[in-house]
PDB file of N, CA and C in Angstrom:
ATOM      1  N   UNK A   1     112.463 132.381 131.728  1.00  0.00           N
ATOM      2  CA  UNK A   1     112.851 131.788 130.470  1.00  0.00           C
ATOM      3  C   UNK A   1     111.815 132.180 129.415  1.00  0.00           C
ATOM      4  N   UNK A   2     112.286 132.336 128.191  1.00  0.00           N
ATOM      5  CA  UNK A   2     111.414 132.753 127.099  1.00  0.00           C
ATOM      6  C   UNK A   2     111.469 131.710 125.978  1.00  0.00           C
ATOM      7  N   UNK A   3     110.285 131.365 125.468  1.00  0.00           N
ATOM      8  CA  UNK A   3     110.151 130.406 124.367  1.00  0.00           C
ATOM      9  C   UNK A   3     109.198 130.990 123.340  1.00  0.00           C
ATOM     10  N   UNK A   4     109.213 130.440 122.134  1.00  0.00           N
ATOM     11  CA  UNK A   4     108.269 130.843 121.097  1.00  0.00           C
ATOM     12  C   UNK A   4     107.530 129.610 120.596  1.00  0.00           C
ATOM     13  N   UNK A   5     106.286 129.816 120.187  1.00  0.00           N
ATOM     14  CA  UNK A   5     105.476 128.758 119.599  1.00  0.00           C
ATOM     15  C   UNK A   5     104.971 129.288 118.259  1.00  0.00           C
ATOM     16  N   UNK A   6     105.191 128.507 117.179  1.00  0.00           N
ATOM     17  CA  UNK A   6     104.821 128.957 115.837  1.00  0.00           C
ATOM     18  C   UNK A   6     103.887 127.963 115.160  1.00  0.00           C
ATOM     19  N   UNK A   7     102.937 128.531 114.422  1.00  0.00           N
ATOM     20  CA  UNK A   7     102.031 127.731 113.594  1.00  0.00           C
ATOM     21  C   UNK A   7     101.565 128.610 112.455  1.00  0.00           C
ATOM     22  N   UNK A   8     101.362 127.998 111.312  1.00  0.00           N
ATOM     23  CA  UNK A   8     100.877 128.781 110.183  1.00  0.00           C
ATOM     24  C   UNK A   8      99.977 127.968 109.288  1.00  0.00           C
ATOM     25  N   UNK A   9      99.030 128.653 108.706  1.00  0.00           N
ATOM     26  CA  UNK A   9      98.220 128.084 107.643  1.00  0.00           C
ATOM     27  C   UNK A   9      98.256 129.086 106.504  1.00  0.00           C
ATOM     28  N   UNK A  10      97.642 128.784 105.395  1.00  0.00           N
ATOM     29  CA  UNK A  10      97.760 129.640 104.220  1.00  0.00           C
ATOM     30  C   UNK A  10      97.308 131.070 104.471  1.00  0.00           C
ATOM     31  N   UNK A  11      96.265 131.263 105.255  1.00  0.00           N
ATOM     32  CA  UNK A  11      95.713 132.598 105.450  1.00  0.00           C
ATOM     33  C   UNK A  11      96.167 133.294 106.726  1.00  0.00           C
ATOM     34  N   UNK A  12      96.823 132.596 107.630  1.00  0.00           N
ATOM     35  CA  UNK A  12      97.214 133.210 108.902  1.00  0.00           C
ATOM     36  C   UNK A  12      98.387 132.460 109.522  1.00  0.00           C
ATOM     37  N   UNK A  13      99.305 133.227 110.094  1.00  0.00           N
ATOM     38  CA  UNK A  13     100.442 132.648 110.806  1.00  0.00           C
ATOM     39  C   UNK A  13     100.502 133.273 112.193  1.00  0.00           C
ATOM     40  N   UNK A  14     101.102 132.543 113.125  1.00  0.00           N
ATOM     41  CA  UNK A  14     101.244 133.066 114.483  1.00  0.00           C
ATOM     42  C   UNK A  14     102.594 132.656 115.050  1.00  0.00           C
ATOM     43  N   UNK A  15     103.242 133.597 115.704  1.00  0.00           N
ATOM     44  CA  UNK A  15     104.472 133.353 116.451  1.00  0.00           C
ATOM     45  C   UNK A  15     104.248 133.973 117.825  1.00  0.00           C
ATOM     46  N   UNK A  16     103.989 133.119 118.807  1.00  0.00           N
ATOM     47  CA  UNK A  16     103.626 133.577 120.144  1.00  0.00           C
ATOM     48  C   UNK A  16     104.768 133.344 121.127  1.00  0.00           C
ATOM     49  N   UNK A  17     104.928 134.271 122.052  1.00  0.00           N
ATOM     50  CA  UNK A  17     105.983 134.177 123.061  1.00  0.00           C
ATOM     51  C   UNK A  17     105.397 133.668 124.373  1.00  0.00           C
ATOM     52  N   UNK A  18     106.138 132.770 125.003  1.00  0.00           N
ATOM     53  CA  UNK A  18     105.755 132.220 126.302  1.00  0.00           C
ATOM     54  C   UNK A  18     106.904 132.487 127.264  1.00  0.00           C
ATOM     55  N   UNK A  19     106.576 132.986 128.436  1.00  0.00           N
ATOM     56  CA  UNK A  19     107.590 133.202 129.466  1.00  0.00           C
ATOM     57  C   UNK A  19     107.266 132.332 130.665  1.00  0.00           C
ATOM     58  N   UNK A  20     108.318 131.783 131.266  1.00  0.00           N
ATOM     59  CA  UNK A  20     108.154 130.898 132.411  1.00  0.00           C
ATOM     60  C   UNK A  20     109.376 131.027 133.320  1.00  0.00           C
ATOM     61  N   UNK A  21     109.157 130.864 134.609  1.00  0.00           N
ATOM     62  CA  UNK A  21     110.259 130.921 135.566  1.00  0.00           C
ATOM     63  C   UNK A  21     111.085 129.639 135.533  1.00  0.00           C
ATOM     64  N   UNK A  22     110.510 128.585 134.978  1.00  0.00           N
ATOM     65  CA  UNK A  22     111.203 127.289 134.945  1.00  0.00           C
ATOM     66  C   UNK A  22     111.142 126.699 133.535  1.00  0.00           C
ATOM     67  N   UNK A  23     111.995 125.716 133.259  1.00  0.00           N
ATOM     68  CA  UNK A  23     111.951 125.070 131.939  1.00  0.00           C
ATOM     69  C   UNK A  23     110.593 124.400 131.700  1.00  0.00           C
ATOM     70  N   UNK A  24     110.189 124.373 130.440  1.00  0.00           N
ATOM     71  CA  UNK A  24     108.927 123.749 130.057  1.00  0.00           C
ATOM     72  C   UNK A  24     109.180 122.663 129.024  1.00  0.00           C
ATOM     73  N   UNK A  25     108.234 121.741 128.914  1.00  0.00           N
ATOM     74  CA  UNK A  25     108.275 120.791 127.803  1.00  0.00           C
ATOM     75  C   UNK A  25     107.627 121.490 126.608  1.00  0.00           C
ATOM     76  N   UNK A  26     107.800 120.923 125.433  1.00  0.00           N
ATOM     77  CA  UNK A  26     107.192 121.500 124.235  1.00  0.00           C
ATOM     78  C   UNK A  26     105.674 121.568 124.401  1.00  0.00           C
ATOM     79  N   UNK A  27     105.068 120.515 124.935  1.00  0.00           N
ATOM     80  CA  UNK A  27     103.616 120.492 125.124  1.00  0.00           C
ATOM     81  C   UNK A  27     103.166 121.586 126.088  1.00  0.00           C
ATOM     82  N   UNK A  28     103.888 121.768 127.184  1.00  0.00           N
ATOM     83  CA  UNK A  28     103.533 122.807 128.150  1.00  0.00           C
ATOM     84  C   UNK A  28     103.617 124.196 127.522  1.00  0.00           C
ATOM     85  N   UNK A  29     104.632 124.426 126.698  1.00  0.00           N
ATOM     86  CA  UNK A  29     104.789 125.722 126.033  1.00  0.00           C
ATOM     87  C   UNK A  29     103.645 125.955 125.047  1.00  0.00           C
ATOM     88  N   UNK A  30     103.279 124.918 124.301  1.00  0.00           N
ATOM     89  CA  UNK A  30     102.167 125.035 123.345  1.00  0.00           C
ATOM     90  C   UNK A  30     100.882 125.389 124.087  1.00  0.00           C
ATOM     91  N   UNK A  31     100.611 124.683 125.165  1.00  0.00           N
ATOM     92  CA  UNK A  31      99.386 124.929 125.930  1.00  0.00           C
ATOM     93  C   UNK A  31      99.395 126.322 126.564  1.00  0.00           C
ATOM     94  N   UNK A  32     100.538 126.748 127.089  1.00  0.00           N
ATOM     95  CA  UNK A  32     100.636 128.056 127.734  1.00  0.00           C
ATOM     96  C   UNK A  32     100.531 129.210 126.735  1.00  0.00           C
ATOM     97  N   UNK A  33     100.863 128.967 125.491  1.00  0.00           N
ATOM     98  CA  UNK A  33     100.855 130.031 124.487  1.00  0.00           C
ATOM     99  C   UNK A  33      99.452 130.473 124.089  1.00  0.00           C
ATOM    100  N   UNK A  34      98.466 129.602 124.258  1.00  0.00           N
ATOM    101  CA  UNK A  34      97.110 129.910 123.839  1.00  0.00           C
ATOM    102  C   UNK A  34      96.854 129.626 122.360  1.00  0.00           C
ATOM    103  N   UNK A  35      97.825 129.036 121.698  1.00  0.00           N
ATOM    104  CA  UNK A  35      97.699 128.777 120.256  1.00  0.00           C
ATOM    105  C   UNK A  35      96.618 127.743 119.946  1.00  0.00           C
ATOM    106  N   UNK A  36      96.355 126.837 120.883  1.00  0.00           N
ATOM    107  CA  UNK A  36      95.330 125.817 120.662  1.00  0.00           C
ATOM    108  C   UNK A  36      93.928 126.435 120.606  1.00  0.00           C
ATOM    109  N   UNK A  37      93.730 127.521 121.327  1.00  0.00           N
ATOM    110  CA  UNK A  37      92.450 128.219 121.277  1.00  0.00           C
ATOM    111  C   UNK A  37      92.337 129.051 119.992  1.00  0.00           C
ATOM    112  N   UNK A  38      93.443 129.610 119.558  1.00  0.00           N
ATOM    113  CA  UNK A  38      93.458 130.454 118.351  1.00  0.00           C
ATOM    114  C   UNK A  38      93.282 129.623 117.083  1.00  0.00           C
ATOM    115  N   UNK A  39      93.848 128.417 117.078  1.00  0.00           N
ATOM    116  CA  UNK A  39      93.762 127.516 115.928  1.00  0.00           C
ATOM    117  C   UNK A  39      93.182 126.179 116.391  1.00  0.00           C
ATOM    118  N   UNK A  40      91.866 126.069 116.494  1.00  0.00           N
ATOM    119  CA  UNK A  40      91.261 124.840 117.016  1.00  0.00           C
ATOM    120  C   UNK A  40      91.514 123.605 116.162  1.00  0.00           C
ATOM    121  N   UNK A  41      91.980 123.786 114.925  1.00  0.00           N
ATOM    122  CA  UNK A  41      92.251 122.620 114.072  1.00  0.00           C
ATOM    123  C   UNK A  41      93.523 121.872 114.482  1.00  0.00           C
ATOM    124  N   UNK A  42      94.324 122.465 115.355  1.00  0.00           N
ATOM    125  CA  UNK A  42      95.547 121.789 115.820  1.00  0.00           C
ATOM    126  C   UNK A  42      95.156 120.624 116.721  1.00  0.00           C
ATOM    127  N   UNK A  43      95.676 119.452 116.388  1.00  0.00           N
ATOM    128  CA  UNK A  43      95.450 118.248 117.177  1.00  0.00           C
ATOM    129  C   UNK A  43      96.828 117.696 117.528  1.00  0.00           C
ATOM    130  N   UNK A  44      97.236 117.865 118.761  1.00  0.00           N
ATOM    131  CA  UNK A  44      98.591 117.461 119.153  1.00  0.00           C
ATOM    132  C   UNK A  44      98.824 115.956 119.040  1.00  0.00           C
ATOM    133  N   UNK A  45      97.756 115.171 118.956  1.00  0.00           N
ATOM    134  CA  UNK A  45      97.956 113.740 118.760  1.00  0.00           C
ATOM    135  C   UNK A  45      98.205 113.421 117.283  1.00  0.00           C
ATOM    136  N   UNK A  46      97.887 114.365 116.392  1.00  0.00           N
ATOM    137  CA  UNK A  46      98.066 114.142 114.951  1.00  0.00           C
ATOM    138  C   UNK A  46      99.147 115.033 114.341  1.00  0.00           C
ATOM    139  N   UNK A  47      99.185 116.316 114.722  1.00  0.00           N
ATOM    140  CA  UNK A  47     100.169 117.234 114.161  1.00  0.00           C
ATOM    141  C   UNK A  47     101.555 116.934 114.708  1.00  0.00           C
ATOM    142  N   UNK A  48     102.532 116.943 113.830  1.00  0.00           N
ATOM    143  CA  UNK A  48     103.922 116.763 114.255  1.00  0.00           C
ATOM    144  C   UNK A  48     104.457 118.117 114.728  1.00  0.00           C
ATOM    145  N   UNK A  49     105.472 118.071 115.575  1.00  0.00           N
ATOM    146  CA  UNK A  49     106.099 119.308 116.041  1.00  0.00           C
ATOM    147  C   UNK A  49     107.610 119.215 115.845  1.00  0.00           C
ATOM    148  N   UNK A  50     108.241 120.368 115.939  1.00  0.00           N
ATOM    149  CA  UNK A  50     109.685 120.426 115.860  1.00  0.00           C
ATOM    150  C   UNK A  50     110.209 121.590 116.682  1.00  0.00           C
ATOM    151  N   UNK A  51     111.499 121.576 116.921  1.00  0.00           N
ATOM    152  CA  UNK A  51     112.169 122.683 117.593  1.00  0.00           C
ATOM    153  C   UNK A  51     113.224 123.189 116.630  1.00  0.00           C
ATOM    154  N   UNK A  52     113.036 124.421 116.164  1.00  0.00           N
ATOM    155  CA  UNK A  52     113.915 125.017 115.149  1.00  0.00           C
ATOM    156  C   UNK A  52     114.090 124.105 113.936  1.00  0.00           C
ATOM    157  N   UNK A  53     112.994 123.527 113.441  1.00  0.00           N
ATOM    158  CA  UNK A  53     113.035 122.744 112.216  1.00  0.00           C
ATOM    159  C   UNK A  53     113.467 121.300 112.367  1.00  0.00           C
ATOM    160  N   UNK A  54     113.765 120.866 113.571  1.00  0.00           N
ATOM    161  CA  UNK A  54     114.136 119.468 113.799  1.00  0.00           C
ATOM    162  C   UNK A  54     112.995 118.783 114.539  1.00  0.00           C
ATOM    163  N   UNK A  55     112.598 117.628 114.039  1.00  0.00           N
ATOM    164  CA  UNK A  55     111.488 116.894 114.650  1.00  0.00           C
ATOM    165  C   UNK A  55     111.729 116.696 116.137  1.00  0.00           C
ATOM    166  N   UNK A  56     110.661 116.839 116.917  1.00  0.00           N
ATOM    167  CA  UNK A  56     110.767 116.697 118.372  1.00  0.00           C
ATOM    168  C   UNK A  56     109.499 116.041 118.902  1.00  0.00           C
ATOM    169  N   UNK A  57     109.581 115.575 120.120  1.00  0.00           N
ATOM    170  CA  UNK A  57     108.432 114.973 120.796  1.00  0.00           C
ATOM    171  C   UNK A  57     107.840 116.007 121.747  1.00  0.00           C
ATOM    172  N   UNK A  58     106.582 115.807 122.101  1.00  0.00           N
ATOM    173  CA  UNK A  58     105.895 116.746 122.989  1.00  0.00           C
ATOM    174  C   UNK A  58     106.540 116.841 124.364  1.00  0.00           C
ATOM    175  N   UNK A  59     107.218 115.771 124.797  1.00  0.00           N
ATOM    176  CA  UNK A  59     107.830 115.795 126.126  1.00  0.00           C
ATOM    177  C   UNK A  59     109.270 116.317 126.117  1.00  0.00           C
ATOM    178  N   UNK A  60     109.721 116.852 124.963  1.00  0.00           N
ATOM    179  CA  UNK A  60     111.084 117.401 124.876  1.00  0.00           C
ATOM    180  C   UNK A  60     111.190 118.634 125.764  1.00  0.00           C
ATOM    181  N   UNK A  61     112.241 118.691 126.570  1.00  0.00           N
ATOM    182  CA  UNK A  61     112.470 119.830 127.453  1.00  0.00           C
ATOM    183  C   UNK A  61     113.108 120.964 126.649  1.00  0.00           C
ATOM    184  N   UNK A  62     112.540 122.150 126.764  1.00  0.00           N
ATOM    185  CA  UNK A  62     113.015 123.298 125.992  1.00  0.00           C
ATOM    186  C   UNK A  62     114.145 124.031 126.702  1.00  0.00           C
ATOM    187  N   UNK A  63     115.003 124.639 125.906  1.00  0.00           N
ATOM    188  CA  UNK A  63     116.067 125.504 126.415  1.00  0.00           C
ATOM    189  C   UNK A  63     115.660 126.952 126.163  1.00  0.00           C
ATOM    190  N   UNK A  64     116.257 127.846 126.872  1.00  0.00           N
ATOM    191  CA  UNK A  64     115.991 129.283 126.717  1.00  0.00           C
ATOM    192  C   UNK A  64     116.047 129.678 125.246  1.00  0.00           C
ATOM    193  N   UNK A  65     115.000 130.352 124.769  1.00  0.00           N
ATOM    194  CA  UNK A  65     114.983 130.861 123.407  1.00  0.00           C
ATOM    195  C   UNK A  65     114.521 129.877 122.339  1.00  0.00           C
ATOM    196  N   UNK A  66     114.186 128.644 122.703  1.00  0.00           N
ATOM    197  CA  UNK A  66     113.739 127.655 121.710  1.00  0.00           C
ATOM    198  C   UNK A  66     112.421 128.081 121.056  1.00  0.00           C
ATOM    199  N   UNK A  67     112.261 127.707 119.789  1.00  0.00           N
ATOM    200  CA  UNK A  67     111.017 127.941 119.058  1.00  0.00           C
ATOM    201  C   UNK A  67     110.384 126.588 118.735  1.00  0.00           C
ATOM    202  N   UNK A  68     109.191 126.361 119.262  1.00  0.00           N
ATOM    203  CA  UNK A  68     108.435 125.140 118.986  1.00  0.00           C
ATOM    204  C   UNK A  68     107.574 125.413 117.762  1.00  0.00           C
ATOM    205  N   UNK A  69     107.672 124.546 116.765  1.00  0.00           N
ATOM    206  CA  UNK A  69     106.910 124.707 115.530  1.00  0.00           C
ATOM    207  C   UNK A  69     105.902 123.572 115.421  1.00  0.00           C
ATOM    208  N   UNK A  70     104.667 123.928 115.127  1.00  0.00           N
ATOM    209  CA  UNK A  70     103.612 122.935 114.944  1.00  0.00           C
ATOM    210  C   UNK A  70     103.392 122.824 113.444  1.00  0.00           C
ATOM    211  N   UNK A  71     103.518 121.620 112.916  1.00  0.00           N
ATOM    212  CA  UNK A  71     103.440 121.411 111.474  1.00  0.00           C
ATOM    213  C   UNK A  71     102.057 120.947 111.045  1.00  0.00           C
ATOM    214  N   UNK A  72     101.630 121.437 109.887  1.00  0.00           N
ATOM    215  CA  UNK A  72     100.377 120.984 109.283  1.00  0.00           C
ATOM    216  C   UNK A  72     100.633 119.663 108.576  1.00  0.00           C
ATOM    217  N   UNK A  73      99.585 118.845 108.419  1.00  0.00           N
ATOM    218  CA  UNK A  73      99.764 117.606 107.652  1.00  0.00           C
ATOM    219  C   UNK A  73     100.078 117.930 106.192  1.00  0.00           C
ATOM    220  N   UNK A  74     100.821 117.052 105.537  1.00  0.00           N
ATOM    221  CA  UNK A  74     101.137 117.243 104.132  1.00  0.00           C
ATOM    222  C   UNK A  74      99.891 117.060 103.286  1.00  0.00           C
ATOM    223  N   UNK A  75      99.760 117.877 102.251  1.00  0.00           N
ATOM    224  CA  UNK A  75      98.632 117.758 101.335  1.00  0.00           C
ATOM    225  C   UNK A  75      98.839 116.563 100.413  1.00  0.00           C
ATOM    226  N   UNK A  76     100.081 116.376  99.964  1.00  0.00           N
ATOM    227  CA  UNK A  76     100.414 115.268  99.063  1.00  0.00           C
ATOM    228  C   UNK A  76     101.658 114.565  99.583  1.00  0.00           C
ATOM    229  N   UNK A  77     101.712 113.269  99.397  1.00  0.00           N
ATOM    230  CA  UNK A  77     102.881 112.491  99.778  1.00  0.00           C
ATOM    231  C   UNK A  77     103.995 112.774  98.767  1.00  0.00           C
ATOM    232  N   UNK A  78     105.146 113.287  99.215  1.00  0.00           N
ATOM    233  CA  UNK A  78     106.225 113.624  98.279  1.00  0.00           C
ATOM    234  C   UNK A  78     106.673 112.451  97.408  1.00  0.00           C
ATOM    235  N   UNK A  79     106.699 111.242  97.964  1.00  0.00           N
ATOM    236  CA  UNK A  79     107.109 110.075  97.171  1.00  0.00           C
ATOM    237  C   UNK A  79     106.114 109.801  96.053  1.00  0.00           C
ATOM    238  N   UNK A  80     104.833 109.906  96.378  1.00  0.00           N
ATOM    239  CA  UNK A  80     103.803 109.673  95.368  1.00  0.00           C
ATOM    240  C   UNK A  80     103.837 110.748  94.289  1.00  0.00           C
ATOM    241  N   UNK A  81     104.101 111.985  94.676  1.00  0.00           N
ATOM    242  CA  UNK A  81     104.185 113.073  93.699  1.00  0.00           C
ATOM    243  C   UNK A  81     105.341 112.837  92.727  1.00  0.00           C
ATOM    244  N   UNK A  82     106.483 112.358  93.237  1.00  0.00           N
ATOM    245  CA  UNK A  82     107.630 112.064  92.361  1.00  0.00           C
ATOM    246  C   UNK A  82     107.307 110.919  91.411  1.00  0.00           C
ATOM    247  N   UNK A  83     106.639 109.885  91.926  1.00  0.00           N
ATOM    248  CA  UNK A  83     106.255 108.753  91.073  1.00  0.00           C
ATOM    249  C   UNK A  83     105.318 109.210  89.958  1.00  0.00           C
ATOM    250  N   UNK A  84     104.390 110.079  90.292  1.00  0.00           N
ATOM    251  CA  UNK A  84     103.434 110.572  89.299  1.00  0.00           C
ATOM    252  C   UNK A  84     104.153 111.381  88.216  1.00  0.00           C
ATOM    253  N   UNK A  85     105.079 112.259  88.622  1.00  0.00           N
ATOM    254  CA  UNK A  85     105.838 113.034  87.638  1.00  0.00           C
ATOM    255  C   UNK A  85     106.648 112.118  86.739  1.00  0.00           C
ATOM    256  N   UNK A  86     107.264 111.086  87.326  1.00  0.00           N
ATOM    257  CA  UNK A  86     108.067 110.144  86.537  1.00  0.00           C
ATOM    258  C   UNK A  86     107.185 109.399  85.544  1.00  0.00           C
ATOM    259  N   UNK A  87     106.004 108.997  85.974  1.00  0.00           N
ATOM    260  CA  UNK A  87     105.089 108.279  85.091  1.00  0.00           C
ATOM    261  C   UNK A  87     104.616 109.158  83.939  1.00  0.00           C
ATOM    262  N   UNK A  88     104.539 110.465  84.175  1.00  0.00           N
ATOM    263  CA  UNK A  88     104.113 111.396  83.131  1.00  0.00           C
ATOM    264  C   UNK A  88     105.281 111.827  82.242  1.00  0.00           C
ATOM    265  N   UNK A  89     106.474 111.357  82.570  1.00  0.00           N
ATOM    266  CA  UNK A  89     107.648 111.679  81.765  1.00  0.00           C
ATOM    267  C   UNK A  89     108.261 113.035  82.071  1.00  0.00           C
ATOM    268  N   UNK A  90     107.868 113.651  83.166  1.00  0.00           N
ATOM    269  CA  UNK A  90     108.435 114.947  83.535  1.00  0.00           C
ATOM    270  C   UNK A  90     109.733 114.725  84.291  1.00  0.00           C
ATOM    271  N   UNK A  91     110.664 115.638  84.085  1.00  0.00           N
ATOM    272  CA  UNK A  91     111.934 115.549  84.801  1.00  0.00           C
ATOM    273  C   UNK A  91     112.161 116.825  85.589  1.00  0.00           C
ATOM    274  N   UNK A  92     112.895 116.686  86.653  1.00  0.00           N
ATOM    275  CA  UNK A  92     113.270 117.837  87.467  1.00  0.00           C
ATOM    276  C   UNK A  92     114.786 117.972  87.380  1.00  0.00           C
ATOM    277  N   UNK A  93     115.236 119.199  87.250  1.00  0.00           N
ATOM    278  CA  UNK A  93     116.671 119.476  87.213  1.00  0.00           C
ATOM    279  C   UNK A  93     117.040 120.298  88.422  1.00  0.00           C
ATOM    280  N   UNK A  94     118.276 120.176  88.826  1.00  0.00           N
ATOM    281  CA  UNK A  94     118.768 120.986  89.928  1.00  0.00           C
ATOM    282  C   UNK A  94     118.607 122.452  89.547  1.00  0.00           C
ATOM    283  N   UNK A  95     118.051 123.244  90.422  1.00  0.00           N
ATOM    284  CA  UNK A  95     117.829 124.642  90.149  1.00  0.00           C
ATOM    285  C   UNK A  95     116.452 124.920  89.569  1.00  0.00           C
ATOM    286  N   UNK A  96     115.688 123.860  89.290  1.00  0.00           N
ATOM    287  CA  UNK A  96     114.322 124.031  88.843  1.00  0.00           C
ATOM    288  C   UNK A  96     114.166 124.400  87.382  1.00  0.00           C
ATOM    289  N   UNK A  97     115.250 124.391  86.608  1.00  0.00           N
ATOM    290  CA  UNK A  97     115.161 124.752  85.191  1.00  0.00           C
ATOM    291  C   UNK A  97     114.630 123.615  84.343  1.00  0.00           C
ATOM    292  N   UNK A  98     114.234 123.938  83.152  1.00  0.00           N
ATOM    293  CA  UNK A  98     113.764 122.930  82.203  1.00  0.00           C
ATOM    294  C   UNK A  98     114.929 122.162  81.630  1.00  0.00           C
ATOM    295  N   UNK A  99     114.725 120.898  81.336  1.00  0.00           N
ATOM    296  CA  UNK A  99     115.728 120.065  80.709  1.00  0.00           C
ATOM    297  C   UNK A  99     115.876 120.466  79.248  1.00  0.00           C
ATOM    298  N   UNK A 100     117.112 120.602  78.785  1.00  0.00           N
ATOM    299  CA  UNK A 100     117.361 121.032  77.396  1.00  0.00           C
ATOM    300  C   UNK A 100     117.743 119.873  76.533  1.00  0.00           C
TER     301      UNK A 100
END
Protein backbone atom coordinates (compact mmCIF):
# COMPACT_ATOMS: atom_id res chain seq x y z
CA UNK A 1 0.00 0.00 0.00
CA UNK A 2 1.19 3.52 -0.76
CA UNK A 3 0.45 6.69 1.22
CA UNK A 4 1.71 10.27 1.15
CA UNK A 5 2.54 12.62 4.01
CA UNK A 6 2.60 16.39 3.37
CA UNK A 7 3.81 19.37 5.36
CA UNK A 8 4.81 22.84 4.37
CA UNK A 9 6.17 26.02 5.80
CA UNK A 10 6.89 29.29 4.01
CA UNK A 11 10.42 28.34 2.96
CA UNK A 12 10.09 24.58 2.42
CA UNK A 13 7.46 21.98 1.58
CA UNK A 14 7.62 18.20 1.62
CA UNK A 15 5.48 15.46 0.10
CA UNK A 16 6.86 12.10 1.18
CA UNK A 17 5.76 8.64 0.08
CA UNK A 18 5.33 5.76 2.51
CA UNK A 19 4.90 2.16 1.43
CA UNK A 20 3.59 -0.60 3.66
CA UNK A 21 2.39 -4.17 3.21
CA UNK A 22 -0.53 -3.47 5.54
CA UNK A 23 -2.87 -0.55 6.29
CA UNK A 24 -1.47 2.15 8.57
CA UNK A 25 -2.97 4.77 10.84
CA UNK A 26 -2.25 8.41 10.05
CA UNK A 27 0.20 8.55 12.97
CA UNK A 28 2.06 5.44 11.79
CA UNK A 29 2.37 6.88 8.28
CA UNK A 30 3.68 10.20 9.64
CA UNK A 31 6.27 8.42 11.78
CA UNK A 32 7.32 6.07 8.96
CA UNK A 33 7.76 8.95 6.51
CA UNK A 34 10.61 10.53 8.46
CA UNK A 35 8.94 13.94 8.29
CA UNK A 36 9.23 14.43 12.06
CA UNK A 37 13.02 14.34 11.77
CA UNK A 38 13.02 16.69 8.76
CA UNK A 39 10.73 19.22 10.46
CA UNK A 40 11.39 19.06 14.22
CA UNK A 41 8.87 21.86 14.86
CA UNK A 42 6.01 19.42 14.16
CA UNK A 43 4.29 18.48 17.41
CA UNK A 44 1.61 15.86 16.81
CA UNK A 45 -0.06 16.75 20.10
CA UNK A 46 -0.51 20.35 18.88
CA UNK A 47 -0.57 20.29 15.06
CA UNK A 48 -3.85 19.30 13.46
CA UNK A 49 -3.89 16.79 10.61
CA UNK A 50 -6.18 15.95 7.75
CA UNK A 51 -6.63 13.44 4.96
CA UNK A 52 -7.09 15.13 1.59
CA UNK A 53 -8.13 18.39 3.27
CA UNK A 54 -10.63 16.90 5.70
CA UNK A 55 -9.83 17.00 9.41
CA UNK A 56 -8.78 13.61 10.77
CA UNK A 57 -7.50 12.03 13.96
CA UNK A 58 -4.10 10.39 14.35
CA UNK A 59 -5.72 6.97 14.78
CA UNK A 60 -7.63 7.20 11.46
CA UNK A 61 -6.96 4.14 9.31
CA UNK A 62 -5.66 5.08 5.86
CA UNK A 63 -6.80 3.69 2.53
CA UNK A 64 -4.54 3.06 -0.45
CA UNK A 65 -3.35 6.35 -1.94
CA UNK A 66 -4.43 8.61 0.97
CA UNK A 67 -2.48 11.82 1.61
CA UNK A 68 -2.00 12.81 5.25
CA UNK A 69 -1.55 16.56 5.66
CA UNK A 70 0.01 18.12 8.74
CA UNK A 71 -1.25 21.65 9.31
CA UNK A 72 0.64 24.58 10.81
CA UNK A 73 -1.04 26.62 13.53
CA UNK A 74 -2.90 29.70 12.32
CA UNK A 75 -1.02 32.98 12.62
CA UNK A 76 -4.23 34.95 13.20
CA UNK A 77 -7.69 33.91 14.31
CA UNK A 78 -9.98 34.40 11.27
CA UNK A 79 -12.88 35.58 13.46
CA UNK A 80 -10.72 38.19 15.15
CA UNK A 81 -9.36 39.38 11.80
CA UNK A 82 -12.92 39.89 10.50
CA UNK A 83 -13.89 41.80 13.65
CA UNK A 84 -10.86 44.04 13.28
CA UNK A 85 -11.65 44.80 9.62
CA UNK A 86 -15.27 45.57 10.55
CA UNK A 87 -14.15 47.90 13.34
CA UNK A 88 -11.89 49.73 10.88
CA UNK A 89 -14.80 50.13 8.46
CA UNK A 90 -13.30 47.92 5.77
CA UNK A 91 -15.59 45.76 3.69
CA UNK A 92 -14.95 42.63 1.69
CA UNK A 93 -16.80 41.86 -1.51
CA UNK A 94 -17.22 38.58 -3.27
CA UNK A 95 -14.34 38.25 -5.70
CA UNK A 96 -12.06 40.45 -3.62
CA UNK A 97 -12.90 43.69 -5.46
CA UNK A 98 -13.27 47.09 -3.89
CA UNK A 99 -16.72 48.31 -2.93
CA UNK A 100 -18.00 51.00 -5.32
